[in-house]
C-alpha atoms as a PDB file:
ATOM      1  CA  MET A   1     116.951-235.807  11.905  1.00  0.00           C
ATOM      2  CA  PRO A   2     116.696-232.519  13.876  1.00  0.00           C
ATOM      3  CA  VAL A   3     115.017-229.711  12.068  1.00  0.00           C
ATOM      4  CA  THR A   4     115.108-226.215  12.817  1.00  0.00           C
ATOM      5  CA  LEU A   5     112.305-224.112  11.558  1.00  0.00           C
ATOM      6  CA  ILE A   6     112.424-220.036  10.878  1.00  0.00           C
ATOM      7  CA  PRO A   7     109.244-218.522  10.802  1.00  0.00           C
ATOM      8  CA  GLY A   8     108.723-215.703   8.140  1.00  0.00           C
ATOM      9  CA  ASN A   9     105.878-213.311   7.709  1.00  0.00           C
ATOM     10  CA  HIS A  10     103.479-215.882   6.154  1.00  0.00           C
ATOM     11  CA  ASP A  11     103.855-218.272   8.718  1.00  0.00           C
ATOM     12  CA  ARG A  12     104.658-216.192  11.608  1.00  0.00           C
ATOM     13  CA  HIS A  13     102.102-218.056  13.834  1.00  0.00           C
ATOM     14  CA  LEU A  14     104.588-220.797  14.218  1.00  0.00           C
ATOM     15  CA  GLY A  15     106.829-218.476  15.981  1.00  0.00           C
ATOM     16  CA  GLU A  16     104.112-217.657  18.581  1.00  0.00           C
ATOM     17  CA  GLY A  17     103.237-219.458  21.512  1.00  0.00           C
ATOM     18  CA  GLY A  18     102.081-222.965  20.829  1.00  0.00           C
ATOM     19  CA  GLY A  19     103.849-223.191  17.464  1.00  0.00           C
ATOM     20  CA  ALA A  20     106.151-225.998  18.079  1.00  0.00           C
ATOM     21  CA  GLU A  21     103.295-228.042  19.900  1.00  0.00           C
ATOM     22  CA  ALA A  22     101.070-227.572  16.868  1.00  0.00           C
ATOM     23  CA  LEU A  23     103.804-228.841  14.546  1.00  0.00           C
ATOM     24  CA  GLU A  24     104.488-231.900  17.141  1.00  0.00           C
ATOM     25  CA  SER A  25     100.723-232.814  17.120  1.00  0.00           C
ATOM     26  CA  ILE A  26     101.183-233.611  13.264  1.00  0.00           C
ATOM     27  CA  GLY A  27     104.399-235.546  13.855  1.00  0.00           C
ATOM     28  CA  PHE A  28     106.957-232.995  12.910  1.00  0.00           C
ATOM     29  CA  ARG A  29     109.246-231.972  15.647  1.00  0.00           C
ATOM     30  CA  ALA A  30     110.923-228.806  14.999  1.00  0.00           C
ATOM     31  CA  ARG A  31     113.079-226.339  16.955  1.00  0.00           C
ATOM     32  CA  ILE A  32     111.644-222.919  16.356  1.00  0.00           C
ATOM     33  CA  GLU A  33     114.179-219.913  16.058  1.00  0.00           C
ATOM     34  CA  ARG A  34     113.669-216.523  14.324  1.00  0.00           C
ATOM     35  CA  SER A  35     117.499-216.059  13.892  1.00  0.00           C
ATOM     36  CA  VAL A  36     119.774-219.388  13.392  1.00  0.00           C
ATOM     37  CA  VAL A  37     123.669-218.980  14.437  1.00  0.00           C
ATOM     38  CA  ARG A  38     126.004-221.830  13.621  1.00  0.00           C
ATOM     39  CA  LYS A  39     129.990-222.071  14.077  1.00  0.00           C
ATOM     40  CA  ILE A  40     131.293-224.303  11.130  1.00  0.00           C
ATOM     41  CA  GLY A  41     135.108-224.452  11.509  1.00  0.00           C
ATOM     42  CA  ASP A  42     136.205-220.986  12.336  1.00  0.00           C
ATOM     43  CA  ARG A  43     133.179-219.067  10.400  1.00  0.00           C
ATOM     44  CA  THR A  44     129.993-217.630  11.620  1.00  0.00           C
ATOM     45  CA  VAL A  45     126.866-218.574   9.613  1.00  0.00           C
ATOM     46  CA  VAL A  46     123.732-216.476  10.123  1.00  0.00           C
ATOM     47  CA  LEU A  47     120.487-217.719   8.649  1.00  0.00           C
ATOM     48  CA  GLN A  48     117.278-215.564   9.001  1.00  0.00           C
ATOM     49  CA  HIS A  49     114.236-215.334   6.933  1.00  0.00           C
ATOM     50  CA  GLY A  50     114.739-211.700   5.841  1.00  0.00           C
ATOM     51  CA  HIS A  51     111.259-210.070   6.256  1.00  0.00           C
ATOM     52  CA  GLU A  52     112.920-208.102   9.007  1.00  0.00           C
ATOM     53  CA  LEU A  53     114.125-205.653   6.250  1.00  0.00           C
ATOM     54  CA  ASP A  54     110.769-205.295   4.364  1.00  0.00           C
ATOM     55  CA  GLU A  55     108.805-202.417   5.901  1.00  0.00           C
ATOM     56  CA  GLY A  56     105.470-203.938   4.763  1.00  0.00           C
ATOM     57  CA  ASN A  57     106.189-207.281   6.227  1.00  0.00           C
ATOM     58  CA  ARG A  58     108.415-207.038   9.283  1.00  0.00           C
ATOM     59  CA  ASP A  59     105.212-206.575  11.705  1.00  0.00           C
ATOM     60  CA  ARG A  60     102.282-208.574  12.593  1.00  0.00           C
ATOM     61  CA  GLU A  61      99.488-207.851  10.319  1.00  0.00           C
ATOM     62  CA  GLY A  62     101.480-205.253   8.216  1.00  0.00           C
ATOM     63  CA  THR A  63     100.510-204.037   4.639  1.00  0.00           C
ATOM     64  CA  GLY A  64     102.038-207.245   3.042  1.00  0.00           C
ATOM     65  CA  GLU A  65      99.685-209.469   5.335  1.00  0.00           C
ATOM     66  CA  VAL A  66      96.849-207.348   4.105  1.00  0.00           C
ATOM     67  CA  MET A  67      97.556-207.743   0.509  1.00  0.00           C
ATOM     68  CA  THR A  68      97.729-211.508   0.919  1.00  0.00           C
ATOM     69  CA  GLN A  69      94.223-211.701   2.292  1.00  0.00           C
ATOM     70  CA  VAL A  70      92.814-209.352   0.051  1.00  0.00           C
ATOM     71  CA  LEU A  71      94.262-211.709  -2.992  1.00  0.00           C
ATOM     72  CA  HIS A  72      92.894-214.662  -1.433  1.00  0.00           C
ATOM     73  CA  GLN A  73      89.622-213.477  -0.216  1.00  0.00           C
ATOM     74  CA  ALA A  74      88.650-211.057  -2.844  1.00  0.00           C
ATOM     75  CA  VAL A  75      90.644-211.118  -6.075  1.00  0.00           C
ATOM     76  CA  ILE A  76      90.932-215.032  -6.597  1.00  0.00           C
ATOM     77  CA  PRO A  77      87.154-215.435  -5.847  1.00  0.00           C
ATOM     78  CA  PHE A  78      86.222-213.022  -8.117  1.00  0.00           C
ATOM     79  CA  LEU A  79      88.358-214.310 -11.156  1.00  0.00           C
ATOM     80  CA  ARG A  80      86.820-217.688 -10.586  1.00  0.00           C
ATOM     81  CA  GLU A  81      83.164-216.356 -10.655  1.00  0.00           C
ATOM     82  CA  LYS A  82      84.009-213.983 -13.626  1.00  0.00           C
ATOM     83  CA  GLY A  83      85.600-216.673 -15.620  1.00  0.00           C
ATOM     84  CA  ALA A  84      87.794-215.837 -18.521  1.00  0.00           C
ATOM     85  CA  ARG A  85      87.444-213.742 -21.543  1.00  0.00           C
ATOM     86  CA  ARG A  86      87.084-214.883 -24.952  1.00  0.00           C
ATOM     87  CA  GLY A  87      90.650-215.893 -26.476  1.00  0.00           C
ATOM     88  CA  VAL A  88      92.563-215.579 -23.230  1.00  0.00           C
ATOM     89  CA  ARG A  89      93.776-218.308 -20.751  1.00  0.00           C
ATOM     90  CA  MET A  90      93.166-217.230 -17.217  1.00  0.00           C
ATOM     91  CA  ASP A  91      94.545-219.294 -14.268  1.00  0.00           C
ATOM     92  CA  PRO A  92      93.425-217.566 -11.059  1.00  0.00           C
ATOM     93  CA  SER A  93      95.950-219.847  -9.013  1.00  0.00           C
ATOM     94  CA  ARG A  94      98.753-217.877 -10.663  1.00  0.00           C
ATOM     95  CA  ILE A  95      97.791-214.806  -8.414  1.00  0.00           C
ATOM     96  CA  VAL A  96      99.165-216.396  -5.524  1.00  0.00           C
ATOM     97  CA  ALA A  97     102.624-217.047  -7.230  1.00  0.00           C
ATOM     98  CA  LEU A  98     103.096-213.836  -8.464  1.00  0.00           C
ATOM     99  CA  ARG A  99     106.113-211.980  -6.999  1.00  0.00           C
ATOM    100  CA  PRO A 100     105.750-209.267  -6.004  1.00  0.00           C
ATOM    101  CA  GLU A 101     101.920-209.646  -5.346  1.00  0.00           C
ATOM    102  CA  GLU A 102     101.234-206.064  -6.458  1.00  0.00           C
ATOM    103  CA  ALA A 103     101.855-207.251  -9.921  1.00  0.00           C
ATOM    104  CA  VAL A 104      98.254-208.552  -9.767  1.00  0.00           C
ATOM    105  CA  VAL A 105      97.169-205.309 -11.431  1.00  0.00           C
ATOM    106  CA  SER A 106      99.339-205.803 -14.650  1.00  0.00           C
ATOM    107  CA  VAL A 107      97.917-209.334 -14.845  1.00  0.00           C
ATOM    108  CA  LEU A 108      94.333-208.323 -14.542  1.00  0.00           C
ATOM    109  CA  GLU A 109      94.919-206.025 -17.467  1.00  0.00           C
ATOM    110  CA  ARG A 110      95.532-208.916 -19.369  1.00  0.00           C
ATOM    111  CA  TRP A 111      92.704-211.080 -18.233  1.00  0.00           C
ATOM    112  CA  LEU A 112      89.873-208.609 -18.124  1.00  0.00           C
ATOM    113  CA  ASP A 113      88.053-206.659 -20.479  1.00  0.00           C
ATOM    114  CA  GLU A 114      88.752-202.896 -20.480  1.00  0.00           C
ATOM    115  CA  LYS A 115      85.252-202.100 -18.724  1.00  0.00           C
ATOM    116  CA  THR A 116      85.663-204.623 -16.152  1.00  0.00           C
ATOM    117  CA  PHE A 117      89.247-204.048 -15.408  1.00  0.00           C
ATOM    118  CA  ARG A 118      88.616-200.208 -14.566  1.00  0.00           C
ATOM    119  CA  LYS A 119      85.574-200.913 -12.514  1.00  0.00           C
ATOM    120  CA  PHE A 120      87.597-203.754 -10.421  1.00  0.00           C
ATOM    121  CA  PHE A 121      90.784-201.593 -10.294  1.00  0.00           C
ATOM    122  CA  ARG A 122      88.843-198.971  -8.284  1.00  0.00           C
ATOM    123  CA  ASN A 123      87.216-201.352  -6.058  1.00  0.00           C
ATOM    124  CA  LEU A 124      90.426-202.980  -5.369  1.00  0.00           C
ATOM    125  CA  LEU A 125      92.080-199.693  -4.210  1.00  0.00           C
ATOM    126  CA  THR A 126      89.029-199.098  -2.019  1.00  0.00           C
ATOM    127  CA  LEU A 127      89.226-202.292  -0.323  1.00  0.00           C
ATOM    128  CA  LEU A 128      92.941-202.105   0.254  1.00  0.00           C
ATOM    129  CA  ALA A 129      92.510-198.318   1.591  1.00  0.00           C
ATOM    130  CA  ARG A 130      89.995-199.819   3.972  1.00  0.00           C
ATOM    131  CA  ASN A 131      91.875-202.404   5.171  1.00  0.00           C
ATOM    132  CA  GLY A 132      95.058-200.213   5.936  1.00  0.00           C
ATOM    133  CA  TYR A 133      97.274-201.243   2.833  1.00  0.00           C
ATOM    134  CA  LEU A 134      96.768-197.649   1.402  1.00  0.00           C
ATOM    135  CA  PRO A 135      95.932-194.609   3.265  1.00  0.00           C
ATOM    136  CA  ARG A 136      92.134-193.678   3.281  1.00  0.00           C
ATOM    137  CA  VAL A 137      92.595-190.773   1.175  1.00  0.00           C
ATOM    138  CA  ALA A 138      93.783-193.240  -1.644  1.00  0.00           C
ATOM    139  CA  GLY A 139      90.511-194.961  -1.424  1.00  0.00           C
ATOM    140  CA  MET A 140      88.668-191.780  -1.828  1.00  0.00           C
ATOM    141  CA  MET A 141      90.881-190.821  -4.774  1.00  0.00           C
ATOM    142  CA  ALA A 142      90.357-194.325  -6.510  1.00  0.00           C
ATOM    143  CA  PRO A 143      89.100-192.881  -9.750  1.00  0.00           C
ATOM    144  CA  LEU A 144      91.948-190.847  -9.872  1.00  0.00           C
ATOM    145  CA  ILE A 145      94.646-193.232  -9.722  1.00  0.00           C
ATOM    146  CA  SER A 146      96.031-194.961 -12.774  1.00  0.00           C
ATOM    147  CA  ALA A 147      97.091-198.445 -13.240  1.00  0.00           C
ATOM    148  CA  ASP A 148     100.472-196.990 -14.695  1.00  0.00           C
ATOM    149  CA  ARG A 149     101.043-195.173 -11.228  1.00  0.00           C
ATOM    150  CA  VAL A 150     100.652-198.467  -9.294  1.00  0.00           C
ATOM    151  CA  ARG A 151     102.771-200.329 -11.867  1.00  0.00           C
ATOM    152  CA  ARG A 152     105.672-197.707 -10.866  1.00  0.00           C
ATOM    153  CA  ALA A 153     105.160-198.548  -7.166  1.00  0.00           C
ATOM    154  CA  ILE A 154     105.241-202.213  -8.033  1.00  0.00           C
ATOM    155  CA  GLU A 155     109.013-201.556  -9.711  1.00  0.00           C
ATOM    156  CA  GLU A 156     109.942-200.004  -6.520  1.00  0.00           C
ATOM    157  CA  GLN A 157     108.791-203.149  -4.601  1.00  0.00           C
ATOM    158  CA  ASP A 158     110.356-205.442  -6.965  1.00  0.00           C
ATOM    159  CA  ARG A 159     113.736-203.858  -5.953  1.00  0.00           C
ATOM    160  CA  LEU A 160     113.565-205.191  -2.562  1.00  0.00           C
ATOM    161  CA  TRP A 161     115.829-207.918  -3.328  1.00  0.00           C
ATOM    162  CA  GLU A 162     118.738-205.097  -4.072  1.00  0.00           C
ATOM    163  CA  SER A 163     118.068-203.231  -0.799  1.00  0.00           C
ATOM    164  CA  THR A 164     118.259-206.331   1.020  1.00  0.00           C
ATOM    165  CA  ALA A 165     121.511-207.431  -0.307  1.00  0.00           C
ATOM    166  CA  PHE A 166     122.748-204.020   0.315  1.00  0.00           C
ATOM    167  CA  THR A 167     122.295-204.398   4.079  1.00  0.00           C
ATOM    168  CA  ALA A 168     123.494-208.072   3.798  1.00  0.00           C
ATOM    169  CA  PHE A 169     126.832-206.527   2.410  1.00  0.00           C
ATOM    170  CA  LYS A 170     127.007-204.014   5.361  1.00  0.00           C
ATOM    171  CA  ALA A 171     126.566-206.816   7.907  1.00  0.00           C
ATOM    172  CA  LEU A 172     129.278-208.803   6.255  1.00  0.00           C
ATOM    173  CA  GLU A 173     131.617-205.968   6.815  1.00  0.00           C
ATOM    174  CA  GLY A 174     130.755-205.467  10.105  1.00  0.00           C
ATOM    175  CA  ARG A 175     129.368-201.946   9.386  1.00  0.00           C
ATOM    176  CA  GLY A 176     125.561-202.797   9.960  1.00  0.00           C
ATOM    177  CA  LYS A 177     123.478-204.645  12.657  1.00  0.00           C
ATOM    178  CA  LEU A 178     121.298-207.653  11.729  1.00  0.00           C
ATOM    179  CA  ALA A 179     117.856-208.127  13.545  1.00  0.00           C
ATOM    180  CA  HIS A 180     117.491-210.427  16.544  1.00  0.00           C
ATOM    181  CA  ASP A 181     121.054-209.268  17.716  1.00  0.00           C
ATOM    182  CA  ALA A 182     122.680-211.712  15.416  1.00  0.00           C
ATOM    183  CA  PRO A 183     126.785-211.454  15.438  1.00  0.00           C
ATOM    184  CA  GLN A 184     128.680-210.289  12.392  1.00  0.00           C
ATOM    185  CA  PRO A 185     128.466-213.246   9.965  1.00  0.00           C
ATOM    186  CA  ASP A 186     130.807-214.698   7.399  1.00  0.00           C
ATOM    187  CA  VAL A 187     128.097-216.362   5.574  1.00  0.00           C
ATOM    188  CA  LEU A 188     124.592-214.545   5.697  1.00  0.00           C
ATOM    189  CA  VAL A 189     121.464-216.510   4.467  1.00  0.00           C
ATOM    190  CA  PHE A 190     118.131-214.870   3.879  1.00  0.00           C
ATOM    191  CA  GLY A 191     114.942-216.244   1.850  1.00  0.00           C
ATOM    192  CA  HIS A 192     112.236-213.445   1.947  1.00  0.00           C
ATOM    193  CA  THR A 193     112.816-211.734  -1.352  1.00  0.00           C
ATOM    194  CA  HIS A 194     111.692-214.791  -3.508  1.00  0.00           C
ATOM    195  CA  ILE A 195     114.821-214.013  -5.722  1.00  0.00           C
ATOM    196  CA  LEU A 196     117.822-216.329  -5.856  1.00  0.00           C
ATOM    197  CA  ASP A 197     120.916-214.292  -4.898  1.00  0.00           C
ATOM    198  CA  TRP A 198     124.746-215.024  -4.409  1.00  0.00           C
ATOM    199  CA  ALA A 199     127.337-212.574  -3.912  1.00  0.00           C
ATOM    200  CA  VAL A 200     130.848-212.979  -2.680  1.00  0.00           C
ATOM    201  CA  GLN A 201     132.017-209.955  -0.579  1.00  0.00           C
ATOM    202  CA  GLU A 202     135.760-209.260  -0.482  1.00  0.00           C
ATOM    203  CA  ARG A 203     137.127-208.193   2.977  1.00  0.00           C
ATOM    204  CA  LYS A 204     140.658-207.564   4.039  1.00  0.00           C
ATOM    205  CA  GLU A 205     140.071-209.350   7.341  1.00  0.00           C
ATOM    206  CA  ARG A 206     138.317-212.383   8.234  1.00  0.00           C
ATOM    207  CA  GLY A 207     138.407-213.671   4.570  1.00  0.00           C
ATOM    208  CA  ASP A 208     135.790-213.226   2.186  1.00  0.00           C
ATOM    209  CA  GLY A 209     132.113-213.231   3.226  1.00  0.00           C
ATOM    210  CA  LEU A 210     129.202-214.570   1.422  1.00  0.00           C
ATOM    211  CA  TYR A 211     125.635-213.714   1.094  1.00  0.00           C
ATOM    212  CA  VAL A 212     123.105-215.976  -0.109  1.00  0.00           C
ATOM    213  CA  ASN A 213     119.190-215.430  -0.716  1.00  0.00           C
ATOM    214  CA  LEU A 214     117.248-218.916  -1.345  1.00  0.00           C
ATOM    215  CA  GLY A 215     114.647-217.459  -3.206  1.00  0.00           C
ATOM    216  CA  THR A 216     111.368-219.309  -2.900  1.00  0.00           C
ATOM    217  CA  TRP A 217     110.248-223.082  -2.459  1.00  0.00           C
ATOM    218  CA  THR A 218     106.773-222.013  -4.088  1.00  0.00           C
ATOM    219  CA  GLU A 219     106.708-221.639  -7.948  1.00  0.00           C
ATOM    220  CA  ARG A 220     107.312-218.031  -8.843  1.00  0.00           C
ATOM    221  CA  CYS A 221     105.297-216.312 -11.487  1.00  0.00           C
ATOM    222  CA  PHE A 222     106.574-213.032 -13.046  1.00  0.00           C
ATOM    223  CA  ASP A 223     103.290-212.116 -15.237  1.00  0.00           C
ATOM    224  CA  ALA A 224     100.227-213.373 -16.851  1.00  0.00           C
ATOM    225  CA  SER A 225     101.744-216.202 -19.021  1.00  0.00           C
ATOM    226  CA  SER A 226     105.267-216.812 -18.702  1.00  0.00           C
ATOM    227  CA  PRO A 227     106.180-220.443 -17.460  1.00  0.00           C
ATOM    228  CA  PRO A 228     106.554-220.461 -13.526  1.00  0.00           C
ATOM    229  CA  ASP A 229     109.980-220.967 -12.008  1.00  0.00           C
ATOM    230  CA  LEU A 230     109.950-224.230 -10.666  1.00  0.00           C
ATOM    231  CA  SER A 231     113.330-224.182  -9.098  1.00  0.00           C
ATOM    232  CA  LEU A 232     113.788-225.897  -5.402  1.00  0.00           C
ATOM    233  CA  PRO A 233     116.817-224.456  -4.148  1.00  0.00           C
ATOM    234  CA  VAL A 234     118.931-225.935  -1.185  1.00  0.00           C
ATOM    235  CA  LEU A 235     121.930-224.743   0.392  1.00  0.00           C
ATOM    236  CA  ARG A 236     124.486-227.207   1.870  1.00  0.00           C
ATOM    237  CA  ILE A 237     127.183-225.812   4.165  1.00  0.00           C
ATOM    238  CA  ASP A 238     129.915-228.248   5.150  1.00  0.00           C
ATOM    239  CA  ASP A 239     133.115-228.202   7.235  1.00  0.00           C
ATOM    240  CA  GLU A 240     135.871-230.140   5.243  1.00  0.00           C
ATOM    241  CA  GLN A 241     138.877-230.375   7.486  1.00  0.00           C
ATOM    242  CA  GLY A 242     138.472-227.095   8.871  1.00  0.00           C
ATOM    243  CA  ARG A 243     137.604-225.172   5.635  1.00  0.00           C
ATOM    244  CA  LEU A 244     134.078-223.979   5.200  1.00  0.00           C
ATOM    245  CA  ARG A 245     132.502-225.204   1.791  1.00  0.00           C
ATOM    246  CA  VAL A 246     129.265-223.899   0.549  1.00  0.00           C
ATOM    247  CA  ALA A 247     126.970-225.161  -2.384  1.00  0.00           C
ATOM    248  CA  LEU A 248     123.911-224.220  -3.697  1.00  0.00           C
ATOM    249  CA  LEU A 249     121.713-226.869  -5.135  1.00  0.00           C
ATOM    250  CA  ASP A 250     118.386-227.279  -7.479  1.00  0.00           C
ATOM    251  CA  LEU A 251     116.695-230.186  -6.365  1.00  0.00           C
ATOM    252  CA  ALA A 252     114.300-229.779  -9.436  1.00  0.00           C
ATOM    253  CA  SER A 253     117.091-230.367 -11.478  1.00  0.00           C
ATOM    254  CA  HIS A 254     118.476-233.575 -10.266  1.00  0.00           C
ATOM    255  CA  SER A 255     120.348-231.501  -7.482  1.00  0.00           C
ATOM    256  CA  ARG A 256     122.298-229.388 -10.016  1.00  0.00           C
ATOM    257  CA  GLU A 257     124.994-227.351  -8.541  1.00  0.00           C
ATOM    258  CA  LEU A 258     123.923-223.539  -9.184  1.00  0.00           C
ATOM    259  CA  GLN A 259     126.883-221.964  -7.126  1.00  0.00           C
ATOM    260  CA  ARG A 260     130.105-223.067  -4.841  1.00  0.00           C
ATOM    261  CA  PHE A 261     132.145-221.125  -2.357  1.00  0.00           C
ATOM    262  CA  GLU A 262     135.296-222.475  -0.192  1.00  0.00           C
ATOM    263  CA  SER A 263     136.858-220.560   2.183  1.00  0.00           C
ATOM    264  CA  ALA A 264     140.733-219.730   1.747  1.00  0.00           C
END
């Protein structure tokens, strides 16, 4: 069955030279496109990853990539070496599933004793500054930056799904441009923000538009102890006798239908 792959910020290497050949060498034949445009009936469907709208992740080796590397190469190894404090269940692998990744600060406050957390927090800020995630001045001022201040910044980052939706609405109305010179869509699909979203945009012309964010195909954790979100969202788009039909399903719940949209 033909497969089209849309690289995002975490697998951007597949969109570079040799990506398709590397996949074929392991038996996975895929056409790689940064922006997919399909005509279904008389409707235009545009599918993009969506990291292009995220300042920290839209560019190669941006601040988002730095944070990911620091988590994998510094934070998780430290936690595994340190071990859990008495009376607290610690799961270092949960760090990978946190969204946004910066929520690690609040999680570590739960897992580490106060003295260890303060020391680790200062060194974490210094490490991020040295690698370009924070201005270097922030690294020098690490002892003066509080965890509460970082938490406020995390809250702003977690609103990314709302700002992404706002951009999607403008594109559906024809008042904003999408990346990669994509045309005005009738259905627009993103995935980068890791949050399931579904919104119908009422339009006077062209009929109602639809915005969908598929969330994530990896488990998503919100804090230190909450059950992970294990949903596996799949979007099915059909042309039924000239009418567009879109269904959002959850494979983790026996393909339970979450949302449905049909063109007028």
